[in-house]
Amino acid sequence: MTAQPITTHHFFSKNLLLAFCMVGIMLTGCSSKEEVAPTKAKAKDVDIVDISNQLAKQVTLHTTGKIEMRDTMRLPGTIQVDEQRMARIGASVTGRVKDIEATLGQKVSNGQVLATLNSTELAQSQLVYIKAAQQIGLQTKAVNRAKLLQEADVIGSAELQRREAELSAAQADLNAARDQLIVLGMSESAIDKLSKSGQIHSYSNVVSRISGNVISRKVNLGQVVQPAEELFIIADLSHVWVVAEVPEQQIDLIQIGEEVLVEIPALHNKQYTAKLIYEGDVVNPETRTVTVRCDIENANREIKPDMLVSMLIKSSPTSKLALPLQSIVRENDKTYVYVQLAPNKFRLREVELGPEYMDMVTITNGISEGEVVVNDGAFHVNNERKIKELE
C-alpha cells in the first residue's frame, strides 16, 4: 500500500481541533471558580454565637459601668515602741550599784524598785538637811526668847528682827536641802522619816516610772553610775507604732485617722488593722520622703519592736470602667468578653484589662460604658461557640 502524503488542509484541521479543546478547558476552569466564589461569600462569622433558650437560662447579663475604686500603696516600714508608753530610767545620784532586782524582759509596775545604789553624795545631802533642820529648832527658840526679852524691855525691837531674819534664813536653807533630796530621788515620806529619826540612809532606789516590760538593761553589780546614764528602758508593749516613709509625690494619699493594713512577714504575713496617727511636717532631704506613723494594738505581745512590716495604704477613690471577674474569658494569652448583639446573640470581643479591685477588674480598652456583656455563664457561651466553630 502506498503512504498518503500529509496535506496542508489535514494539518490545519488538527490545529483547529486542538485550539477548540484548550478553549473548552479554560471555560471549564472559569466555571469552577465561579461556582466556588459563592461558597466563600456564605462563610459565617465565627465570633458570633447564638445560644438556645435553655442555655440562656444559665446566663446572666451585666451592663458595663464605672465603679469607685482605690489603688493600694505598699510601703516598707518597721515596728517601733510607742514613745508615749516608754520610760528611760537612770540613777538620780552618783553611786555604786548594790542590788539589781529587774531582769531583761521582766514585767514591772509603776514605782517598783529596779536597782539599789550606795551613794556618798546622797549621804552628804542628807547630812546637810539634818543640820538645816537642827538650825530651825535653834533659831525658833532664839526668836521666842527674844520676844520675851522685848516684852520685859531687856532688848529692843532691832534685836528681835535680827533673830527673826536668822530664822527665815535657816528655813530657806532647810527648804533648799529638802529640794535637793527630792532631786536625788528621795520621796516626801522618806524625807519626813529622816527629819524625825535624824539617821542617814545612803541607799538610793532606782524605780520604774511606768508599768511595762524591761526591754533594755545596761547596769551590772558594782558598777559606778552617774545621773546622766541610762540604766533601764521600760516599755508598755500593749500598743506599738508602725513607722514608714512615704515618697513626697504620694503624700497626698495620706489622711490622718484613716485605717490601714499592716502586714508582718515574720508572722506568716498576718495582717492587722491600724490607724494613721501622724504625718511628718517636713520632707527628708536625703530620701525625699515623709515619715508616717500608725498605732496598732498588741494585746498578746506577738508583735516585736524592730520587726519589718509592709504598710498598705489605699488612695483616694477614683471612678473607672470595670466588669465582674467572671465575665472575662481567657484564651491564648488574651482576654475577651461576650457582648450582646440581640437576645440570645453575642459577639466575642477582645478587651484590655487593668488592675483588679475586690471582685471587679478595670477595663482599659475594648468596651464602652453601657454595653451589655455576659456575666455568669461566659464559660458556657464560649464552649457553645467552639462547638459551632467545629461544625
Protein backbone atom coordinates (compact mmCIF):
# COMPACT_ATOMS: atom_id res chain seq x y z
CA MET A 1 0.00 0.00 0.00
CA THR A 2 1.32 3.39 -0.85
CA ALA A 3 1.60 6.00 2.00
CA GLN A 4 -0.58 9.07 1.65
CA PRO A 5 1.18 12.43 1.83
CA ILE A 6 0.21 14.84 4.65
CA THR A 7 -1.62 17.74 3.13
CA THR A 8 -1.79 21.32 4.41
CA HIS A 9 -5.56 21.01 4.88
CA HIS A 10 -5.14 17.99 7.12
CA PHE A 11 -2.57 19.80 9.33
CA PHE A 12 -4.82 22.85 9.66
CA SER A 13 -7.75 20.67 10.80
CA LYS A 14 -5.74 19.12 13.62
CA ASN A 15 -4.57 22.52 14.90
CA LEU A 16 -8.11 23.85 14.86
CA LEU A 17 -9.34 20.88 16.90
CA LEU A 18 -6.56 21.38 19.47
CA ALA A 19 -7.47 25.06 19.87
CA PHE A 20 -11.13 24.21 20.48
CA CYS A 21 -10.07 21.75 23.22
CA MET A 22 -7.94 24.34 25.02
CA VAL A 23 -10.75 26.90 24.98
CA GLY A 24 -13.07 24.29 26.45
CA ILE A 25 -10.65 23.54 29.27
CA MET A 26 -10.29 27.27 30.09
CA LEU A 27 -14.03 27.78 30.15
CA THR A 28 -14.42 24.78 32.41
CA GLY A 29 -11.85 26.25 34.85
CA CYS A 30 -13.60 29.62 34.91
CA SER A 31 -16.87 27.92 35.56
CA SER A 32 -15.37 26.09 38.55
CA LYS A 33 -14.02 29.33 40.03
CA GLU A 34 -17.38 30.99 39.60
CA GLU A 35 -19.00 28.13 41.49
CA VAL A 36 -16.51 28.39 44.46
CA ALA A 37 -16.94 32.14 44.92
CA PRO A 38 -20.48 31.96 46.29
CA THR A 39 -19.33 29.34 48.85
CA LYS A 40 -16.81 31.80 50.36
CA ALA A 41 -19.37 34.56 50.49
CA LYS A 42 -21.63 32.39 52.58
CA ALA A 43 -18.95 31.77 55.36
CA LYS A 44 -20.22 32.56 58.92
CA ASP A 45 -18.63 34.94 61.45
CA VAL A 46 -17.08 32.54 63.98
CA ASP A 47 -17.00 35.21 66.70
CA ILE A 48 -20.79 35.46 66.79
CA VAL A 49 -22.71 32.81 68.70
CA ASP A 50 -26.45 32.19 69.03
CA ILE A 51 -27.45 30.32 72.17
CA SER A 52 -30.52 28.25 72.86
CA ASN A 53 -33.27 29.30 75.24
CA GLN A 54 -32.19 26.52 77.58
CA LEU A 55 -28.61 27.84 77.73
CA ALA A 56 -29.91 31.40 78.10
CA LYS A 57 -31.43 30.38 81.45
CA GLN A 58 -27.91 29.69 82.75
CA VAL A 59 -26.58 33.06 81.64
CA THR A 60 -26.81 36.39 83.47
CA LEU A 61 -26.00 39.73 81.89
CA HIS A 62 -24.16 42.77 83.20
CA THR A 63 -24.33 46.35 81.96
CA THR A 64 -20.86 47.85 81.81
CA GLY A 65 -20.39 50.85 84.11
CA LYS A 66 -17.92 52.67 86.31
CA ILE A 67 -17.08 51.86 89.92
CA GLU A 68 -15.33 53.79 92.69
CA MET A 69 -12.03 52.05 93.31
CA ARG A 70 -8.91 52.76 95.35
CA ASP A 71 -5.36 51.82 94.49
CA THR A 72 -3.22 50.30 97.25
CA MET A 73 0.22 51.69 98.05
CA ARG A 74 2.62 49.25 99.75
CA LEU A 75 5.26 50.91 101.95
CA PRO A 76 8.11 49.19 103.79
CA GLY A 77 8.23 50.00 107.50
CA THR A 78 9.29 48.83 110.95
CA ILE A 79 7.70 48.23 114.33
CA GLN A 80 8.77 50.73 116.96
CA VAL A 81 7.99 51.26 120.62
CA ASP A 82 5.29 53.83 121.35
CA GLU A 83 7.36 56.67 122.80
CA GLN A 84 4.42 57.80 124.91
CA ARG A 85 4.42 54.38 126.58
CA MET A 86 8.18 54.17 127.19
CA ALA A 87 10.43 55.40 130.00
CA ARG A 88 14.21 55.61 130.11
CA ILE A 89 15.25 55.05 133.72
CA GLY A 90 18.51 56.31 135.22
CA ALA A 91 20.01 56.96 138.63
CA SER A 92 19.19 60.14 140.50
CA VAL A 93 22.58 60.24 142.22
CA THR A 94 26.14 59.18 141.63
CA GLY A 95 26.68 55.84 143.31
CA ARG A 96 27.75 52.22 143.15
CA VAL A 97 25.20 49.52 142.22
CA LYS A 98 24.50 47.35 145.27
CA ASP A 99 21.49 45.28 144.11
CA ILE A 100 19.68 44.66 140.80
CA GLU A 101 16.09 43.48 141.10
CA ALA A 102 14.91 43.62 137.47
CA THR A 103 15.97 41.43 134.57
CA LEU A 104 15.61 41.85 130.81
CA GLY A 105 12.07 41.05 129.68
CA GLN A 106 10.61 41.19 133.19
CA LYS A 107 7.21 42.78 133.65
CA VAL A 108 7.31 45.58 136.22
CA SER A 109 4.80 48.00 137.68
CA ASN A 110 4.92 51.73 138.27
CA GLY A 111 7.05 52.52 141.36
CA GLN A 112 8.72 49.10 141.51
CA VAL A 113 12.38 49.08 142.59
CA LEU A 114 14.70 48.09 139.76
CA ALA A 115 18.10 48.55 141.44
CA THR A 116 19.69 49.94 144.60
CA LEU A 117 22.72 52.28 144.77
CA ASN A 118 25.08 53.12 147.61
CA SER A 119 25.72 56.87 147.31
CA THR A 120 28.01 59.08 149.36
CA GLU A 121 26.51 62.06 147.54
CA LEU A 122 23.10 61.20 148.94
CA ALA A 123 24.54 60.75 152.44
CA GLN A 124 26.18 64.18 152.26
CA SER A 125 22.92 65.82 151.15
CA GLN A 126 21.04 64.13 153.97
CA LEU A 127 23.58 65.45 156.44
CA VAL A 128 23.07 68.98 155.11
CA TYR A 129 19.32 68.57 155.55
CA ILE A 130 19.64 67.29 159.13
CA LYS A 131 21.87 70.25 160.06
CA ALA A 132 19.42 72.68 158.43
CA ALA A 133 16.57 71.11 160.41
CA GLN A 134 18.55 71.47 163.64
CA GLN A 135 19.19 75.13 162.87
CA ILE A 136 15.47 75.68 162.53
CA GLY A 137 14.98 74.40 166.05
CA LEU A 138 17.74 76.63 167.48
CA GLN A 139 16.61 79.73 165.61
CA THR A 140 12.99 79.19 166.60
CA LYS A 141 13.97 79.08 170.30
CA ALA A 142 16.11 82.20 169.85
CA VAL A 143 13.18 84.12 168.38
CA ASN A 144 10.82 83.04 171.15
CA ARG A 145 13.36 84.08 173.80
CA ALA A 146 13.86 87.45 172.09
CA LYS A 147 10.13 88.12 172.17
CA LEU A 148 10.02 87.53 175.91
CA LEU A 149 13.03 89.80 176.45
CA GLN A 150 11.48 92.56 174.35
CA GLU A 151 8.30 92.38 176.37
CA ALA A 152 10.43 92.81 179.50
CA ASP A 153 12.21 95.80 177.87
CA VAL A 154 15.53 93.94 178.10
CA ILE A 155 16.22 94.14 174.33
CA GLY A 156 14.99 96.39 171.61
CA SER A 157 12.94 95.58 168.52
CA ALA A 158 16.06 95.59 166.32
CA GLU A 159 17.46 92.55 168.12
CA LEU A 160 14.17 90.69 167.70
CA GLN A 161 14.12 91.47 163.99
CA ARG A 162 17.70 90.19 163.62
CA ARG A 163 16.84 86.87 165.21
CA GLU A 164 13.69 86.55 163.05
CA ALA A 165 15.82 87.14 159.95
CA GLU A 166 18.19 84.38 161.05
CA LEU A 167 15.18 82.05 161.43
CA SER A 168 13.98 82.89 157.91
CA ALA A 169 17.45 82.19 156.52
CA ALA A 170 17.54 78.84 158.32
CA GLN A 171 14.11 77.99 156.91
CA ALA A 172 15.37 78.81 153.40
CA ASP A 173 18.38 76.53 153.92
CA LEU A 174 16.08 73.73 155.08
CA ASN A 175 13.81 74.14 152.02
CA ALA A 176 16.83 74.08 149.70
CA ALA A 177 18.19 70.94 151.39
CA ARG A 178 14.78 69.26 151.11
CA ASP A 179 14.52 70.11 147.41
CA GLN A 180 17.99 68.67 146.84
CA LEU A 181 16.95 65.39 148.42
CA ILE A 182 13.89 65.24 146.17
CA VAL A 183 16.13 65.81 143.15
CA LEU A 184 18.32 62.96 144.36
CA GLY A 185 15.33 60.65 144.35
CA MET A 186 14.08 60.63 147.93
CA SER A 187 10.32 60.60 148.42
CA GLU A 188 8.42 63.01 150.67
CA SER A 189 7.71 60.23 153.15
CA ALA A 190 11.41 59.25 153.28
CA ILE A 191 12.40 62.87 153.94
CA ASP A 192 9.85 63.18 156.76
CA LYS A 193 11.22 59.97 158.27
CA LEU A 194 14.73 61.42 158.03
CA SER A 195 13.57 64.57 159.84
CA LYS A 196 12.18 62.55 162.73
CA SER A 197 14.94 59.96 163.07
CA GLY A 198 17.95 62.03 162.09
CA GLN A 199 19.59 58.85 160.77
CA ILE A 200 21.39 59.00 157.44
CA HIS A 201 20.44 56.36 154.87
CA SER A 202 22.87 56.40 151.96
CA TYR A 203 21.00 53.95 149.75
CA SER A 204 19.09 55.23 146.71
CA ASN A 205 16.50 53.21 144.80
CA VAL A 206 16.15 53.24 141.03
CA VAL A 207 12.40 52.84 140.45
CA SER A 208 10.21 52.37 137.39
CA ARG A 209 8.15 55.34 136.25
CA ILE A 210 5.57 53.27 134.31
CA SER A 211 4.17 49.74 134.16
CA GLY A 212 5.56 47.61 131.36
CA ASN A 213 8.38 45.30 130.35
CA VAL A 214 12.12 45.77 130.74
CA ILE A 215 13.33 45.95 127.12
CA SER A 216 16.85 47.18 127.92
CA ARG A 217 19.23 46.82 130.90
CA LYS A 218 22.64 48.47 130.90
CA VAL A 219 23.81 48.01 134.50
CA ASN A 220 25.80 45.43 136.47
CA LEU A 221 26.56 44.85 140.15
CA GLY A 222 29.37 47.04 141.49
CA GLN A 223 29.14 49.46 138.59
CA VAL A 224 29.52 53.17 139.40
CA VAL A 225 26.78 55.11 137.63
CA GLN A 226 26.06 58.78 137.00
CA PRO A 227 22.67 60.54 136.80
CA ALA A 228 23.17 61.09 133.05
CA GLU A 229 23.42 57.35 132.33
CA GLU A 230 20.52 55.22 131.03
CA LEU A 231 20.21 52.07 133.15
CA PHE A 232 16.86 50.60 132.10
CA ILE A 233 14.23 51.10 129.39
CA ILE A 234 10.67 50.19 130.36
CA ALA A 235 8.01 49.95 127.66
CA ASP A 236 4.32 49.19 127.63
CA LEU A 237 4.01 47.00 124.51
CA SER A 238 0.22 46.67 124.56
CA HIS A 239 0.32 49.24 121.74
CA VAL A 240 3.18 49.75 119.28
CA TRP A 241 3.94 52.08 116.38
CA VAL A 242 4.35 51.21 112.72
CA VAL A 243 6.65 53.75 111.05
CA ALA A 244 7.10 54.08 107.28
CA GLU A 245 8.42 56.57 104.74
CA VAL A 246 6.10 57.90 102.01
CA PRO A 247 7.59 59.36 98.79
CA GLU A 248 6.79 63.05 98.63
CA GLN A 249 4.95 62.58 95.29
CA GLN A 250 2.41 60.32 97.02
CA ILE A 251 1.94 62.21 100.28
CA ASP A 252 -1.44 63.50 99.07
CA LEU A 253 -2.76 59.93 99.50
CA ILE A 254 -2.24 60.12 103.27
CA GLN A 255 -5.14 61.05 105.53
CA ILE A 256 -4.74 61.22 109.32
CA GLY A 257 -7.26 58.97 111.06
CA GLU A 258 -7.57 56.61 108.10
CA GLU A 259 -7.42 52.88 108.70
CA VAL A 260 -4.58 50.96 107.03
CA LEU A 261 -3.46 47.35 106.89
CA VAL A 262 -0.14 46.25 108.37
CA GLU A 263 1.34 43.03 107.01
CA ILE A 264 4.10 41.31 109.02
CA PRO A 265 6.17 38.71 107.10
CA ALA A 266 7.67 37.28 110.32
CA LEU A 267 4.16 36.32 111.47
CA HIS A 268 3.28 34.46 108.26
CA ASN A 269 2.14 37.67 106.53
CA LYS A 270 -0.59 38.16 109.11
CA GLN A 271 -2.45 41.42 108.61
CA TYR A 272 -3.51 43.87 111.32
CA THR A 273 -5.78 46.87 111.16
CA ALA A 274 -4.17 50.11 112.35
CA LYS A 275 -4.96 53.82 112.30
CA LEU A 276 -2.76 56.58 110.92
CA ILE A 277 -1.95 58.98 113.77
CA TYR A 278 0.93 61.06 112.45
CA GLU A 279 2.23 62.63 109.23
CA GLY A 280 5.59 64.38 109.24
CA ASP A 281 5.72 68.13 108.71
CA VAL A 282 8.98 68.10 106.75
CA VAL A 283 10.48 66.16 103.84
CA ASN A 284 13.70 64.25 104.42
CA PRO A 285 16.11 66.00 102.01
CA GLU A 286 18.18 62.84 101.51
CA THR A 287 15.41 60.31 100.78
CA ARG A 288 12.69 62.77 99.60
CA THR A 289 10.20 61.02 101.85
CA VAL A 290 7.82 61.97 104.66
CA THR A 291 7.54 59.92 107.84
CA VAL A 292 4.10 58.50 108.69
CA ARG A 293 3.12 56.55 111.75
CA CYS A 294 0.19 54.45 112.85
CA ASP A 295 -0.83 52.88 116.15
CA ILE A 296 -1.52 49.16 116.37
CA GLU A 297 -2.91 47.11 119.25
CA ASN A 298 -0.62 44.36 120.55
CA ALA A 299 -2.57 42.80 123.40
CA ASN A 300 -0.95 39.34 123.10
CA ARG A 301 2.58 40.79 122.64
CA GLU A 302 3.23 38.81 119.43
CA ILE A 303 4.42 41.93 117.59
CA LYS A 304 8.02 42.73 118.48
CA PRO A 305 9.83 46.08 118.13
CA ASP A 306 12.10 46.32 115.05
CA MET A 307 10.11 43.74 113.07
CA LEU A 308 9.95 44.53 109.33
CA VAL A 309 6.45 45.19 108.00
CA SER A 310 4.54 46.42 104.96
CA MET A 311 2.04 49.24 105.41
CA LEU A 312 -0.84 49.07 102.91
CA ILE A 313 -2.41 52.47 102.32
CA LYS A 314 -5.37 52.99 99.98
CA SER A 315 -5.52 56.02 97.70
CA SER A 316 -8.45 58.39 97.29
CA PRO A 317 -11.42 56.87 95.38
CA THR A 318 -11.35 57.18 91.57
CA SER A 319 -14.03 56.27 89.01
CA LYS A 320 -13.03 53.59 86.48
CA LEU A 321 -14.80 51.37 83.94
CA ALA A 322 -14.97 47.81 85.28
CA LEU A 323 -16.53 44.38 84.79
CA PRO A 324 -17.04 41.40 87.11
CA LEU A 325 -14.13 38.96 87.01
CA GLN A 326 -16.37 36.04 85.97
CA SER A 327 -17.33 37.81 82.74
CA ILE A 328 -13.75 37.57 81.43
CA VAL A 329 -12.83 34.73 79.04
CA ARG A 330 -9.12 33.92 78.67
CA GLU A 331 -7.74 32.22 75.58
CA ASN A 332 -4.25 32.12 74.03
CA ASP A 333 -2.89 34.72 76.46
CA LYS A 334 -5.67 37.15 75.51
CA THR A 335 -8.78 38.31 77.34
CA TYR A 336 -12.30 38.52 75.87
CA VAL A 337 -15.90 39.25 76.78
CA TYR A 338 -19.17 38.32 75.08
CA VAL A 339 -21.07 41.47 74.08
CA GLN A 340 -24.81 41.16 73.49
CA LEU A 341 -25.95 41.95 69.94
CA ALA A 342 -29.54 40.81 70.34
CA PRO A 343 -31.48 38.49 72.64
CA ASN A 344 -29.53 35.18 72.82
CA LYS A 345 -26.96 36.53 70.35
CA PHE A 346 -23.44 37.55 71.39
CA ARG A 347 -20.12 38.53 69.84
CA LEU A 348 -16.69 37.61 71.20
CA ARG A 349 -14.62 40.79 71.67
CA GLU A 350 -11.05 41.24 72.88
CA VAL A 351 -10.53 43.64 75.81
CA GLU A 352 -7.54 45.00 77.71
CA LEU A 353 -7.62 44.70 81.49
CA GLY A 354 -6.35 47.00 84.24
CA PRO A 355 -5.95 46.40 87.99
CA GLU A 356 -8.37 44.19 89.89
CA TYR A 357 -10.44 45.63 92.73
CA MET A 358 -12.41 43.32 95.00
CA ASP A 359 -14.47 41.10 92.60
CA MET A 360 -14.13 43.52 89.68
CA VAL A 361 -11.47 44.22 87.06
CA THR A 362 -10.96 47.54 85.32
CA ILE A 363 -11.18 47.75 81.51
CA THR A 364 -8.71 50.00 79.70
CA ASN A 365 -9.75 49.24 76.10
CA GLY A 366 -12.23 47.23 74.05
CA ILE A 367 -15.59 48.10 75.54
CA SER A 368 -17.67 51.19 76.31
CA GLU A 369 -19.87 52.16 79.20
CA GLY A 370 -23.45 50.94 78.84
CA GLU A 371 -22.72 47.86 76.70
CA VAL A 372 -24.25 44.59 77.92
CA VAL A 373 -21.97 41.56 78.39
CA VAL A 374 -22.34 38.00 79.64
CA ASN A 375 -21.61 37.79 83.35
CA ASP A 376 -22.30 34.35 84.85
CA GLY A 377 -22.19 31.70 82.15
CA ALA A 378 -19.48 33.20 79.93
CA PHE A 379 -17.69 29.83 80.06
CA HIS A 380 -20.76 28.01 78.68
CA VAL A 381 -21.25 30.57 75.92
CA ASN A 382 -17.60 30.18 74.93
CA ASN A 383 -17.99 26.39 74.77
CA GLU A 384 -21.04 26.81 72.54
CA ARG A 385 -19.02 28.97 70.16
CA LYS A 386 -16.23 26.40 69.98
CA ILE A 387 -18.71 23.58 69.21
CA LYS A 388 -20.32 25.52 66.35
CA GLU A 389 -16.87 26.50 65.06
CA LEU A 390 -16.06 22.80 64.59
CA GLU A 391 -19.28 22.05 62.69
